[in-house]
Amino acid sequence: MRKVRLSRGLTQEVLAEQLGVTPRYLAGIERGERNLTLDSVDALAKQLGIETQSLLLVS
């Protein structure tokens, strides 16, 4: 996910604000420390401009 975020030119702070979460929470997602609901994964994929399935396959 970090690669996709960076390829879009987004900082953790900007993406976190767009998602309505804290930058610390987003960092936890990127490190794989947070479990997400499918709705959260879908919202994240939308903000990154990719299909949800693609986000699930990104390592």
C-alpha atoms as a PDB file:
ATOM      1  CA  MET A   1       0.000   0.000   0.000  1.00  0.00           C
ATOM      2  CA  ARG A   2       2.853   2.383   0.767  1.00  0.00           C
ATOM      3  CA  LYS A   3       4.163   2.005  -2.798  1.00  0.00           C
ATOM      4  CA  VAL A   4       0.770   2.917  -4.227  1.00  0.00           C
ATOM      5  CA  ARG A   5       0.397   5.901  -1.879  1.00  0.00           C
ATOM      6  CA  LEU A   6       3.842   7.198  -2.777  1.00  0.00           C
ATOM      7  CA  SER A   7       3.261   6.670  -6.498  1.00  0.00           C
ATOM      8  CA  ARG A   8       0.210   8.944  -6.134  1.00  0.00           C
ATOM      9  CA  GLY A   9       2.360  11.596  -4.452  1.00  0.00           C
ATOM     10  CA  LEU A  10       0.426  11.368  -1.183  1.00  0.00           C
ATOM     11  CA  THR A  11       1.909  11.727   2.276  1.00  0.00           C
ATOM     12  CA  GLN A  12       0.554   9.682   5.154  1.00  0.00           C
ATOM     13  CA  GLU A  13      -0.818  12.879   6.636  1.00  0.00           C
ATOM     14  CA  VAL A  14      -2.758  13.847   3.508  1.00  0.00           C
ATOM     15  CA  LEU A  15      -4.166  10.367   2.896  1.00  0.00           C
ATOM     16  CA  ALA A  16      -5.072   9.980   6.566  1.00  0.00           C
ATOM     17  CA  GLU A  17      -6.953  13.276   6.456  1.00  0.00           C
ATOM     18  CA  GLN A  18      -8.814  12.200   3.317  1.00  0.00           C
ATOM     19  CA  LEU A  19      -9.781   8.928   4.993  1.00  0.00           C
ATOM     20  CA  GLY A  20     -10.730  10.540   8.291  1.00  0.00           C
ATOM     21  CA  VAL A  21      -8.131   8.616  10.317  1.00  0.00           C
ATOM     22  CA  THR A  22      -4.986   9.652  12.147  1.00  0.00           C
ATOM     23  CA  PRO A  23      -1.596   9.458  10.436  1.00  0.00           C
ATOM     24  CA  ARG A  24      -0.517   7.058  13.192  1.00  0.00           C
ATOM     25  CA  TYR A  25      -3.409   4.720  12.391  1.00  0.00           C
ATOM     26  CA  LEU A  26      -2.574   4.853   8.669  1.00  0.00           C
ATOM     27  CA  ALA A  27       1.066   4.069   9.444  1.00  0.00           C
ATOM     28  CA  GLY A  28      -0.130   1.015  11.369  1.00  0.00           C
ATOM     29  CA  ILE A  29      -2.127  -0.091   8.347  1.00  0.00           C
ATOM     30  CA  GLU A  30       0.929   0.252   6.120  1.00  0.00           C
ATOM     31  CA  ARG A  31       3.031  -1.786   8.548  1.00  0.00           C
ATOM     32  CA  GLY A  32       0.368  -4.496   8.696  1.00  0.00           C
ATOM     33  CA  GLU A  33      -0.339  -3.881  12.372  1.00  0.00           C
ATOM     34  CA  ARG A  34      -4.005  -3.030  11.875  1.00  0.00           C
ATOM     35  CA  ASN A  35      -6.811  -5.289  10.732  1.00  0.00           C
ATOM     36  CA  LEU A  36      -9.233  -3.606   8.367  1.00  0.00           C
ATOM     37  CA  THR A  37     -12.841  -4.297   7.534  1.00  0.00           C
ATOM     38  CA  LEU A  38     -13.714  -4.816   3.892  1.00  0.00           C
ATOM     39  CA  ASP A  39     -15.467  -1.438   3.949  1.00  0.00           C
ATOM     40  CA  SER A  40     -12.233   0.182   5.134  1.00  0.00           C
ATOM     41  CA  VAL A  41     -10.218  -1.554   2.427  1.00  0.00           C
ATOM     42  CA  ASP A  42     -12.748  -0.394  -0.155  1.00  0.00           C
ATOM     43  CA  ALA A  43     -12.567   3.225   1.067  1.00  0.00           C
ATOM     44  CA  LEU A  44      -8.777   3.122   1.036  1.00  0.00           C
ATOM     45  CA  ALA A  45      -8.685   1.734  -2.496  1.00  0.00           C
ATOM     46  CA  LYS A  46     -11.072   4.465  -3.661  1.00  0.00           C
ATOM     47  CA  GLN A  47      -8.847   7.189  -2.187  1.00  0.00           C
ATOM     48  CA  LEU A  48      -5.825   5.667  -3.894  1.00  0.00           C
ATOM     49  CA  GLY A  49      -7.696   5.393  -7.194  1.00  0.00           C
ATOM     50  CA  ILE A  50      -7.305   1.637  -7.546  1.00  0.00           C
ATOM     51  CA  GLU A  51      -9.646  -1.328  -7.493  1.00  0.00           C
ATOM     52  CA  THR A  52     -10.152  -2.951  -4.102  1.00  0.00           C
ATOM     53  CA  GLN A  53      -8.864  -6.279  -5.397  1.00  0.00           C
ATOM     54  CA  SER A  54      -5.642  -4.611  -6.535  1.00  0.00           C
ATOM     55  CA  LEU A  55      -5.039  -3.202  -3.063  1.00  0.00           C
ATOM     56  CA  LEU A  56      -5.512  -6.613  -1.501  1.00  0.00           C
ATOM     57  CA  LEU A  57      -2.894  -8.047  -3.842  1.00  0.00           C
ATOM     58  CA  VAL A  58      -0.302  -5.299  -3.252  1.00  0.00           C
ATOM     59  CA  SER A  59       2.527  -6.414  -1.012  1.00  0.00           C
END
